Amino acid sequence: MQHFIARQKTELRPFLAETLGLSGRKAKDLVDSKLVFVNDKRVWIATYLLRPGDRVDVVVPKEETAPEPVILHEDEWIIAVDKPAGVVTESDPASMEARLRKTREDNRIRAIHRLDKETSGVVLFAKTDEVHGRFVELWSDKEVRKLYLAVSYGEADFDARTVKTPVDGKSALSHVKTISRTKDFSCFEVEIETGRKYQVRKHLAVIRHPVVGDKSIGVKVVISAALKNVRRQMLHAWKISFVHPFTGQKLALTAPVPQDMAGLIKELGLRVQEDR
């Protein structure tokens, strides 16, 4: 995190370009990343007008190599991966699917389901089209239990709550359980019975507990210094379980809470029990 004070009236983009020695294009990219704060409020408008005395905080993205995928389970039909945040699931040369295809030298590998780029956690990949089809049926029949872990704004006033608000005009159902809470934050376990796009984030926002770090539908004002270094939404595909369609055995997989999320949970005074 870098801190600056505006000395004169100027737009945000040229201020960042001059202060950080960036081109106008790179300065705008930095603003677009939504990692710039003015007076503790997240700002993503390049033409935002700074006034003398305004405090500008910038989380400068690090050049990082995508970590190697952690294999949670593998058999002759599927590969279960703990996807790190910042890696897309598929449809990109740098996606988890593409990396698995390259390392296994097998272009038949296909993602069975998807996670947002900023969401970490369990993702399943099929080794053949036949396996992919069988697992898609499993998803369609709602025979897969999916649990997410989320760090959200606001102190929850409930232990458990069901949210039925439609997402993009389609029915959606989420069961939210409070794991821990403080005056300003809560840690939730969210089980989804439907798999609508951005369902967990949207449902938590509906009940006034948006996910920390959600740059699209989250909170703009920073209420804790710990949040300024949060680079992504604090959402983790924690656990998944199902009866394996090829073995008939129940398979339960857990992706450990990632370091950035575990650190924030501790810093905010929350807790999470891995064996829940």
C-alpha atoms as a PDB file:
ATOM      1  CA  MET A   1       0.000   0.000   0.000  1.00  0.00           C
ATOM      2  CA  GLN A   2       1.367   3.422  -1.010  1.00  0.00           C
ATOM      3  CA  HIS A   3       0.018   6.724   0.353  1.00  0.00           C
ATOM      4  CA  PHE A   4      -0.029  10.153  -1.304  1.00  0.00           C
ATOM      5  CA  ILE A   5      -1.552  13.592  -0.701  1.00  0.00           C
ATOM      6  CA  ALA A   6      -2.931  15.693  -3.559  1.00  0.00           C
ATOM      7  CA  ARG A   7      -1.403  19.183  -3.539  1.00  0.00           C
ATOM      8  CA  GLN A   8      -3.654  20.714  -6.175  1.00  0.00           C
ATOM      9  CA  LYS A   9      -6.893  20.114  -8.008  1.00  0.00           C
ATOM     10  CA  THR A  10      -6.348  17.414 -10.622  1.00  0.00           C
ATOM     11  CA  GLU A  11      -7.939  14.299 -12.073  1.00  0.00           C
ATOM     12  CA  LEU A  12      -7.036  10.945 -10.585  1.00  0.00           C
ATOM     13  CA  ARG A  13      -5.461   9.397 -13.689  1.00  0.00           C
ATOM     14  CA  PRO A  14      -2.845  12.105 -14.354  1.00  0.00           C
ATOM     15  CA  PHE A  15      -2.133  12.297 -10.630  1.00  0.00           C
ATOM     16  CA  LEU A  16      -1.313   8.596 -10.505  1.00  0.00           C
ATOM     17  CA  ALA A  17       0.636   8.733 -13.751  1.00  0.00           C
ATOM     18  CA  GLU A  18       2.872  11.544 -12.489  1.00  0.00           C
ATOM     19  CA  THR A  19       3.186  10.299  -8.916  1.00  0.00           C
ATOM     20  CA  LEU A  20       3.958   6.682  -9.809  1.00  0.00           C
ATOM     21  CA  GLY A  21       5.803   7.340 -13.073  1.00  0.00           C
ATOM     22  CA  LEU A  22       3.239   5.485 -15.174  1.00  0.00           C
ATOM     23  CA  SER A  23       1.844   6.000 -18.641  1.00  0.00           C
ATOM     24  CA  GLY A  24      -1.711   7.299 -18.862  1.00  0.00           C
ATOM     25  CA  ARG A  25      -2.839   3.850 -20.012  1.00  0.00           C
ATOM     26  CA  LYS A  26      -1.251   2.055 -17.069  1.00  0.00           C
ATOM     27  CA  ALA A  27      -2.588   4.654 -14.652  1.00  0.00           C
ATOM     28  CA  LYS A  28      -6.102   4.037 -15.968  1.00  0.00           C
ATOM     29  CA  ASP A  29      -5.594   0.272 -15.692  1.00  0.00           C
ATOM     30  CA  LEU A  30      -4.655   0.790 -12.043  1.00  0.00           C
ATOM     31  CA  VAL A  31      -7.853   2.765 -11.439  1.00  0.00           C
ATOM     32  CA  ASP A  32      -9.878   0.133 -13.316  1.00  0.00           C
ATOM     33  CA  SER A  33      -8.462  -2.534 -10.995  1.00  0.00           C
ATOM     34  CA  LYS A  34     -10.434  -0.835  -8.174  1.00  0.00           C
ATOM     35  CA  LEU A  35      -7.429  -0.839  -5.895  1.00  0.00           C
ATOM     36  CA  VAL A  36      -7.293   2.961  -5.489  1.00  0.00           C
ATOM     37  CA  PHE A  37      -8.834   4.739  -2.492  1.00  0.00           C
ATOM     38  CA  VAL A  38      -9.474   8.448  -1.978  1.00  0.00           C
ATOM     39  CA  ASN A  39     -10.104   9.464   1.619  1.00  0.00           C
ATOM     40  CA  ASP A  40     -10.810   5.798   2.495  1.00  0.00           C
ATOM     41  CA  LYS A  41     -13.373   5.403  -0.299  1.00  0.00           C
ATOM     42  CA  ARG A  42     -12.756   3.057  -3.222  1.00  0.00           C
ATOM     43  CA  VAL A  43     -12.669   5.035  -6.493  1.00  0.00           C
ATOM     44  CA  TRP A  44     -12.656   3.551 -10.007  1.00  0.00           C
ATOM     45  CA  ILE A  45     -13.346   6.620 -12.147  1.00  0.00           C
ATOM     46  CA  ALA A  46     -10.190   7.798 -13.912  1.00  0.00           C
ATOM     47  CA  THR A  47     -11.528  11.357 -14.226  1.00  0.00           C
ATOM     48  CA  TYR A  48     -12.369  11.600 -10.518  1.00  0.00           C
ATOM     49  CA  LEU A  49     -11.424  15.124  -9.419  1.00  0.00           C
ATOM     50  CA  LEU A  50      -8.945  15.296  -6.570  1.00  0.00           C
ATOM     51  CA  ARG A  51      -8.855  18.352  -4.353  1.00  0.00           C
ATOM     52  CA  PRO A  52      -5.917  19.713  -2.350  1.00  0.00           C
ATOM     53  CA  GLY A  53      -5.435  17.643   0.787  1.00  0.00           C
ATOM     54  CA  ASP A  54      -7.140  14.505  -0.527  1.00  0.00           C
ATOM     55  CA  ARG A  55      -5.412  11.334   0.652  1.00  0.00           C
ATOM     56  CA  VAL A  56      -4.833   8.742  -2.084  1.00  0.00           C
ATOM     57  CA  ASP A  57      -4.015   5.159  -1.137  1.00  0.00           C
ATOM     58  CA  VAL A  58      -2.898   2.756  -3.836  1.00  0.00           C
ATOM     59  CA  VAL A  59      -2.537  -1.007  -3.661  1.00  0.00           C
ATOM     60  CA  VAL A  60       0.040  -1.557  -6.405  1.00  0.00           C
ATOM     61  CA  PRO A  61      -0.529  -5.014  -7.947  1.00  0.00           C
ATOM     62  CA  LYS A  62       2.443  -7.329  -7.647  1.00  0.00           C
ATOM     63  CA  GLU A  63       3.810  -9.195 -10.598  1.00  0.00           C
ATOM     64  CA  GLU A  64       3.163 -12.733  -9.451  1.00  0.00           C
ATOM     65  CA  THR A  65       3.482 -16.092 -11.126  1.00  0.00           C
ATOM     66  CA  ALA A  66       0.303 -18.095 -10.867  1.00  0.00           C
ATOM     67  CA  PRO A  67       0.810 -20.808  -8.246  1.00  0.00           C
ATOM     68  CA  GLU A  68       0.806 -24.438  -9.230  1.00  0.00           C
ATOM     69  CA  PRO A  69      -2.610 -26.057  -8.816  1.00  0.00           C
ATOM     70  CA  VAL A  70      -3.056 -28.203  -5.716  1.00  0.00           C
ATOM     71  CA  ILE A  71      -4.672 -31.528  -6.556  1.00  0.00           C
ATOM     72  CA  LEU A  72      -7.246 -32.447  -3.901  1.00  0.00           C
ATOM     73  CA  HIS A  73      -8.312 -35.716  -5.519  1.00  0.00           C
ATOM     74  CA  GLU A  74      -7.689 -37.647  -8.700  1.00  0.00           C
ATOM     75  CA  ASP A  75      -9.000 -40.913 -10.052  1.00  0.00           C
ATOM     76  CA  GLU A  76      -9.427 -42.343 -13.540  1.00  0.00           C
ATOM     77  CA  TRP A  77     -12.448 -40.109 -14.203  1.00  0.00           C
ATOM     78  CA  ILE A  78     -11.892 -36.699 -12.564  1.00  0.00           C
ATOM     79  CA  ILE A  79      -9.329 -34.269 -11.175  1.00  0.00           C
ATOM     80  CA  ALA A  80     -10.336 -32.043  -8.247  1.00  0.00           C
ATOM     81  CA  VAL A  81      -8.229 -28.895  -7.960  1.00  0.00           C
ATOM     82  CA  ASP A  82      -7.925 -26.201  -5.308  1.00  0.00           C
ATOM     83  CA  LYS A  83      -8.054 -23.225  -7.664  1.00  0.00           C
ATOM     84  CA  PRO A  84      -6.193 -20.160  -6.394  1.00  0.00           C
ATOM     85  CA  ALA A  85      -7.763 -16.723  -6.673  1.00  0.00           C
ATOM     86  CA  GLY A  86      -6.701 -14.798  -9.779  1.00  0.00           C
ATOM     87  CA  VAL A  87      -6.885 -17.775 -12.143  1.00  0.00           C
ATOM     88  CA  VAL A  88      -9.850 -18.286 -14.468  1.00  0.00           C
ATOM     89  CA  THR A  89     -11.395 -21.738 -14.683  1.00  0.00           C
ATOM     90  CA  GLU A  90     -11.531 -22.134 -18.474  1.00  0.00           C
ATOM     91  CA  SER A  91     -11.652 -20.406 -21.899  1.00  0.00           C
ATOM     92  CA  ASP A  92      -8.255 -18.731 -21.547  1.00  0.00           C
ATOM     93  CA  PRO A  93      -4.675 -19.808 -22.345  1.00  0.00           C
ATOM     94  CA  ALA A  94      -3.776 -19.161 -18.692  1.00  0.00           C
ATOM     95  CA  SER A  95      -6.852 -20.912 -17.276  1.00  0.00           C
ATOM     96  CA  MET A  96      -6.740 -23.824 -14.875  1.00  0.00           C
ATOM     97  CA  GLU A  97      -8.242 -26.044 -17.585  1.00  0.00           C
ATOM     98  CA  ALA A  98      -5.506 -25.068 -20.056  1.00  0.00           C
ATOM     99  CA  ARG A  99      -2.781 -25.677 -17.489  1.00  0.00           C
ATOM    100  CA  LEU A 100      -4.093 -29.136 -16.668  1.00  0.00           C
ATOM    101  CA  ARG A 101      -4.329 -29.992 -20.361  1.00  0.00           C
ATOM    102  CA  LYS A 102      -0.729 -28.917 -20.848  1.00  0.00           C
ATOM    103  CA  THR A 103       0.749 -30.682 -17.822  1.00  0.00           C
ATOM    104  CA  ARG A 104      -1.231 -33.874 -18.509  1.00  0.00           C
ATOM    105  CA  GLU A 105      -0.776 -33.597 -22.281  1.00  0.00           C
ATOM    106  CA  ASP A 106      -4.469 -34.313 -22.690  1.00  0.00           C
ATOM    107  CA  ASN A 107      -6.838 -31.895 -24.432  1.00  0.00           C
ATOM    108  CA  ARG A 108      -9.871 -33.904 -23.387  1.00  0.00           C
ATOM    109  CA  ILE A 109      -9.771 -32.458 -19.869  1.00  0.00           C
ATOM    110  CA  ARG A 110     -12.793 -30.186 -19.320  1.00  0.00           C
ATOM    111  CA  ALA A 111     -14.075 -28.098 -16.432  1.00  0.00           C
ATOM    112  CA  ILE A 112     -17.273 -29.564 -15.008  1.00  0.00           C
ATOM    113  CA  HIS A 113     -18.251 -26.299 -13.288  1.00  0.00           C
ATOM    114  CA  ARG A 114     -16.758 -22.840 -12.852  1.00  0.00           C
ATOM    115  CA  LEU A 115     -15.668 -20.326 -10.236  1.00  0.00           C
ATOM    116  CA  ASP A 116     -15.162 -16.576 -10.615  1.00  0.00           C
ATOM    117  CA  LYS A 117     -11.591 -15.534 -11.291  1.00  0.00           C
ATOM    118  CA  GLU A 118     -11.339 -13.960  -7.825  1.00  0.00           C
ATOM    119  CA  THR A 119     -12.964 -16.890  -6.028  1.00  0.00           C
ATOM    120  CA  SER A 120     -10.683 -19.639  -4.744  1.00  0.00           C
ATOM    121  CA  GLY A 121     -11.521 -23.242  -3.958  1.00  0.00           C
ATOM    122  CA  VAL A 122     -12.651 -26.615  -5.253  1.00  0.00           C
ATOM    123  CA  VAL A 123     -13.159 -27.101  -9.000  1.00  0.00           C
ATOM    124  CA  LEU A 124     -13.736 -30.444 -10.707  1.00  0.00           C
ATOM    125  CA  PHE A 125     -12.400 -31.410 -14.130  1.00  0.00           C
ATOM    126  CA  ALA A 126     -13.487 -34.388 -16.221  1.00  0.00           C
ATOM    127  CA  LYS A 127     -10.950 -36.478 -18.101  1.00  0.00           C
ATOM    128  CA  THR A 128     -13.288 -37.403 -20.989  1.00  0.00           C
ATOM    129  CA  ASP A 129     -16.458 -36.111 -22.619  1.00  0.00           C
ATOM    130  CA  GLU A 130     -18.392 -39.091 -21.269  1.00  0.00           C
ATOM    131  CA  VAL A 131     -17.339 -38.292 -17.699  1.00  0.00           C
ATOM    132  CA  HIS A 132     -18.145 -34.630 -18.246  1.00  0.00           C
ATOM    133  CA  GLY A 133     -21.664 -35.527 -19.366  1.00  0.00           C
ATOM    134  CA  ARG A 134     -22.308 -37.749 -16.343  1.00  0.00           C
ATOM    135  CA  PHE A 135     -21.197 -35.038 -13.923  1.00  0.00           C
ATOM    136  CA  VAL A 136     -23.245 -32.359 -15.677  1.00  0.00           C
ATOM    137  CA  GLU A 137     -26.260 -34.618 -15.063  1.00  0.00           C
ATOM    138  CA  LEU A 138     -25.260 -34.809 -11.399  1.00  0.00           C
ATOM    139  CA  TRP A 139     -25.221 -31.009 -11.232  1.00  0.00           C
ATOM    140  CA  SER A 140     -28.541 -30.731 -13.077  1.00  0.00           C
ATOM    141  CA  ASP A 141     -30.170 -33.181 -10.664  1.00  0.00           C
ATOM    142  CA  LYS A 142     -28.877 -31.091  -7.726  1.00  0.00           C
ATOM    143  CA  GLU A 143     -27.063 -34.051  -6.230  1.00  0.00           C
ATOM    144  CA  VAL A 144     -23.914 -32.095  -5.415  1.00  0.00           C
ATOM    145  CA  ARG A 145     -23.559 -30.324  -2.070  1.00  0.00           C
ATOM    146  CA  LYS A 146     -21.592 -27.084  -2.377  1.00  0.00           C
ATOM    147  CA  LEU A 147     -20.432 -25.028   0.611  1.00  0.00           C
ATOM    148  CA  TYR A 148     -18.761 -21.630   0.332  1.00  0.00           C
ATOM    149  CA  LEU A 149     -16.918 -19.599   2.942  1.00  0.00           C
ATOM    150  CA  ALA A 150     -17.404 -15.834   2.869  1.00  0.00           C
ATOM    151  CA  VAL A 151     -16.152 -12.872   4.877  1.00  0.00           C
ATOM    152  CA  SER A 152     -18.789 -10.148   4.781  1.00  0.00           C
ATOM    153  CA  TYR A 153     -19.544  -6.691   6.067  1.00  0.00           C
ATOM    154  CA  GLY A 154     -21.901  -6.227   8.994  1.00  0.00           C
ATOM    155  CA  GLU A 155     -22.637  -8.110  12.187  1.00  0.00           C
ATOM    156  CA  ALA A 156     -25.122 -10.891  11.413  1.00  0.00           C
ATOM    157  CA  ASP A 157     -28.253 -10.907  13.586  1.00  0.00           C
ATOM    158  CA  PHE A 158     -29.055 -14.525  12.693  1.00  0.00           C
ATOM    159  CA  ASP A 159     -27.546 -17.966  13.117  1.00  0.00           C
ATOM    160  CA  ALA A 160     -29.079 -19.382   9.946  1.00  0.00           C
ATOM    161  CA  ARG A 161     -31.096 -17.880   7.116  1.00  0.00           C
ATOM    162  CA  THR A 162     -32.414 -19.018   3.740  1.00  0.00           C
ATOM    163  CA  VAL A 163     -32.351 -16.622   0.774  1.00  0.00           C
ATOM    164  CA  LYS A 164     -34.705 -17.272  -2.144  1.00  0.00           C
ATOM    165  CA  THR A 165     -34.260 -14.083  -4.165  1.00  0.00           C
ATOM    166  CA  PRO A 166     -34.135 -14.782  -7.951  1.00  0.00           C
ATOM    167  CA  VAL A 167     -30.830 -14.132  -9.719  1.00  0.00           C
ATOM    168  CA  ASP A 168     -31.056 -12.754 -13.267  1.00  0.00           C
ATOM    169  CA  GLY A 169     -34.727 -13.701 -13.361  1.00  0.00           C
ATOM    170  CA  LYS A 170     -34.091 -17.327 -12.413  1.00  0.00           C
ATOM    171  CA  SER A 171     -34.947 -19.057  -9.128  1.00  0.00           C
ATOM    172  CA  ALA A 172     -32.034 -19.252  -6.704  1.00  0.00           C
ATOM    173  CA  LEU A 173     -31.734 -20.753  -3.241  1.00  0.00           C
ATOM    174  CA  SER A 174     -28.960 -20.252  -0.686  1.00  0.00           C
ATOM    175  CA  HIS A 175     -28.671 -21.328   2.942  1.00  0.00           C
ATOM    176  CA  VAL A 176     -26.517 -18.991   5.031  1.00  0.00           C
ATOM    177  CA  LYS A 177     -25.051 -20.007   8.406  1.00  0.00           C
ATOM    178  CA  THR A 178     -23.140 -17.641  10.661  1.00  0.00           C
ATOM    179  CA  ILE A 179     -19.809 -19.108  11.758  1.00  0.00           C
ATOM    180  CA  SER A 180     -18.543 -16.062  13.659  1.00  0.00           C
ATOM    181  CA  ARG A 181     -19.246 -12.337  13.923  1.00  0.00           C
ATOM    182  CA  THR A 182     -17.895  -9.085  15.302  1.00  0.00           C
ATOM    183  CA  LYS A 183     -19.375  -5.598  15.475  1.00  0.00           C
ATOM    184  CA  ASP A 184     -18.595  -4.881  11.818  1.00  0.00           C
ATOM    185  CA  PHE A 185     -18.003  -8.220  10.091  1.00  0.00           C
ATOM    186  CA  SER A 186     -19.284 -11.768   9.802  1.00  0.00           C
ATOM    187  CA  CYS A 187     -17.921 -15.069   8.546  1.00  0.00           C
ATOM    188  CA  PHE A 188     -20.521 -17.205   6.776  1.00  0.00           C
ATOM    189  CA  GLU A 189     -20.898 -20.725   5.467  1.00  0.00           C
ATOM    190  CA  VAL A 190     -23.155 -20.601   2.413  1.00  0.00           C
ATOM    191  CA  GLU A 191     -24.707 -23.688   0.857  1.00  0.00           C
ATOM    192  CA  ILE A 192     -26.211 -23.167  -2.580  1.00  0.00           C
ATOM    193  CA  GLU A 193     -28.866 -25.424  -4.044  1.00  0.00           C
ATOM    194  CA  THR A 194     -28.774 -23.633  -7.393  1.00  0.00           C
ATOM    195  CA  GLY A 195     -25.743 -22.446  -9.340  1.00  0.00           C
ATOM    196  CA  ARG A 196     -26.672 -19.039 -10.704  1.00  0.00           C
ATOM    197  CA  LYS A 197     -23.922 -16.671 -11.802  1.00  0.00           C
ATOM    198  CA  TYR A 198     -22.556 -14.688  -8.837  1.00  0.00           C
ATOM    199  CA  GLN A 199     -25.276 -16.253  -6.662  1.00  0.00           C
ATOM    200  CA  VAL A 200     -23.422 -16.194  -3.340  1.00  0.00           C
ATOM    201  CA  ARG A 201     -22.251 -12.612  -3.788  1.00  0.00           C
ATOM    202  CA  LYS A 202     -25.673 -11.400  -4.880  1.00  0.00           C
ATOM    203  CA  HIS A 203     -27.573 -13.196  -2.140  1.00  0.00           C
ATOM    204  CA  LEU A 204     -25.267 -11.916   0.590  1.00  0.00           C
ATOM    205  CA  ALA A 205     -25.649  -8.403  -0.796  1.00  0.00           C
ATOM    206  CA  VAL A 206     -29.445  -8.821  -0.741  1.00  0.00           C
ATOM    207  CA  ILE A 207     -29.373  -9.528   3.007  1.00  0.00           C
ATOM    208  CA  ARG A 208     -27.082  -6.532   3.552  1.00  0.00           C
ATOM    209  CA  HIS A 209     -23.896  -8.510   4.100  1.00  0.00           C
ATOM    210  CA  PRO A 210     -21.873  -7.924   0.908  1.00  0.00           C
ATOM    211  CA  VAL A 211     -18.653  -9.880   0.536  1.00  0.00           C
ATOM    212  CA  VAL A 212     -15.508  -8.043   1.595  1.00  0.00           C
ATOM    213  CA  GLY A 213     -13.409  -7.167  -1.458  1.00  0.00           C
ATOM    214  CA  ASP A 214     -16.289  -7.476  -3.920  1.00  0.00           C
ATOM    215  CA  LYS A 215     -15.513  -4.597  -6.249  1.00  0.00           C
ATOM    216  CA  SER A 216     -18.774  -4.815  -8.201  1.00  0.00           C
ATOM    217  CA  ILE A 217     -21.542  -5.038  -5.607  1.00  0.00           C
ATOM    218  CA  GLY A 218     -19.593  -4.470  -2.426  1.00  0.00           C
ATOM    219  CA  VAL A 219     -18.958  -1.551  -0.075  1.00  0.00           C
ATOM    220  CA  LYS A 220     -16.962   1.436  -1.303  1.00  0.00           C
ATOM    221  CA  VAL A 221     -16.043   2.965   2.048  1.00  0.00           C
ATOM    222  CA  VAL A 222     -13.200   1.313   3.962  1.00  0.00           C
ATOM    223  CA  ILE A 223     -14.147   0.852   7.628  1.00  0.00           C
ATOM    224  CA  SER A 224     -11.008  -1.012   8.684  1.00  0.00           C
ATOM    225  CA  ALA A 225      -7.385  -0.449   7.734  1.00  0.00           C
ATOM    226  CA  ALA A 226      -7.081  -4.223   7.240  1.00  0.00           C
ATOM    227  CA  LEU A 227      -9.335  -4.009   4.193  1.00  0.00           C
ATOM    228  CA  LYS A 228      -7.153  -1.729   2.101  1.00  0.00           C
ATOM    229  CA  ASN A 229      -4.779  -4.555   1.261  1.00  0.00           C
ATOM    230  CA  VAL A 230      -7.574  -6.934   0.266  1.00  0.00           C
ATOM    231  CA  ARG A 231      -6.936  -7.602  -3.416  1.00  0.00           C
ATOM    232  CA  ARG A 232      -9.915  -9.825  -4.205  1.00  0.00           C
ATOM    233  CA  GLN A 233     -13.355 -10.866  -2.998  1.00  0.00           C
ATOM    234  CA  MET A 234     -13.188 -12.923   0.188  1.00  0.00           C
ATOM    235  CA  LEU A 235     -15.138 -15.876  -1.178  1.00  0.00           C
ATOM    236  CA  HIS A 236     -13.901 -19.469  -1.161  1.00  0.00           C
ATOM    237  CA  ALA A 237     -15.485 -22.634  -2.603  1.00  0.00           C
ATOM    238  CA  TRP A 238     -14.791 -24.499   0.603  1.00  0.00           C
ATOM    239  CA  LYS A 239     -16.371 -27.938   0.399  1.00  0.00           C
ATOM    240  CA  ILE A 240     -18.066 -30.139  -2.150  1.00  0.00           C
ATOM    241  CA  SER A 241     -19.542 -33.621  -1.749  1.00  0.00           C
ATOM    242  CA  PHE A 242     -21.446 -36.076  -3.927  1.00  0.00           C
ATOM    243  CA  VAL A 243     -21.902 -39.741  -4.693  1.00  0.00           C
ATOM    244  CA  HIS A 244     -19.358 -40.559  -7.375  1.00  0.00           C
ATOM    245  CA  PRO A 245     -21.349 -41.648 -10.457  1.00  0.00           C
ATOM    246  CA  PHE A 246     -18.706 -44.187 -11.490  1.00  0.00           C
ATOM    247  CA  THR A 247     -17.813 -45.749  -8.120  1.00  0.00           C
ATOM    248  CA  GLY A 248     -21.016 -45.290  -6.158  1.00  0.00           C
ATOM    249  CA  GLN A 249     -18.967 -44.027  -3.201  1.00  0.00           C
ATOM    250  CA  LYS A 250     -19.521 -40.710  -1.451  1.00  0.00           C
ATOM    251  CA  LEU A 251     -16.693 -38.273  -2.123  1.00  0.00           C
ATOM    252  CA  ALA A 252     -16.217 -35.255   0.153  1.00  0.00           C
ATOM    253  CA  LEU A 253     -13.551 -32.684  -0.752  1.00  0.00           C
ATOM    254  CA  THR A 254     -12.319 -29.664   1.202  1.00  0.00           C
ATOM    255  CA  ALA A 255     -10.076 -26.850  -0.025  1.00  0.00           C
ATOM    256  CA  PRO A 256      -8.162 -25.358   2.941  1.00  0.00           C
ATOM    257  CA  VAL A 257      -8.875 -21.695   3.667  1.00  0.00           C
ATOM    258  CA  PRO A 258      -6.279 -19.763   1.614  1.00  0.00           C
ATOM    259  CA  GLN A 259      -3.627 -17.730   3.381  1.00  0.00           C
ATOM    260  CA  ASP A 260      -4.942 -14.296   2.416  1.00  0.00           C
ATOM    261  CA  MET A 261      -8.440 -15.140   3.640  1.00  0.00           C
ATOM    262  CA  ALA A 262      -7.268 -16.861   6.828  1.00  0.00           C
ATOM    263  CA  GLY A 263      -5.082 -13.859   7.646  1.00  0.00           C
ATOM    264  CA  LEU A 264      -7.957 -11.418   7.172  1.00  0.00           C
ATOM    265  CA  ILE A 265     -10.310 -13.567   9.260  1.00  0.00           C
ATOM    266  CA  LYS A 266      -7.798 -13.473  12.111  1.00  0.00           C
ATOM    267  CA  GLU A 267      -7.084  -9.760  11.736  1.00  0.00           C
ATOM    268  CA  LEU A 268     -10.795  -8.904  11.845  1.00  0.00           C
ATOM    269  CA  GLY A 269     -11.264 -10.929  15.022  1.00  0.00           C
ATOM    270  CA  LEU A 270     -13.323 -13.622  13.329  1.00  0.00           C
ATOM    271  CA  ARG A 271     -12.751 -17.367  13.394  1.00  0.00           C
ATOM    272  CA  VAL A 272     -13.502 -20.372  11.241  1.00  0.00           C
ATOM    273  CA  GLN A 273     -13.510 -24.039  12.148  1.00  0.00           C
ATOM    274  CA  GLU A 274     -11.977 -26.184   9.418  1.00  0.00           C
ATOM    275  CA  ASP A 275     -13.786 -29.298  10.646  1.00  0.00           C
ATOM    276  CA  ARG A 276     -17.302 -27.951  10.386  1.00  0.00           C
END
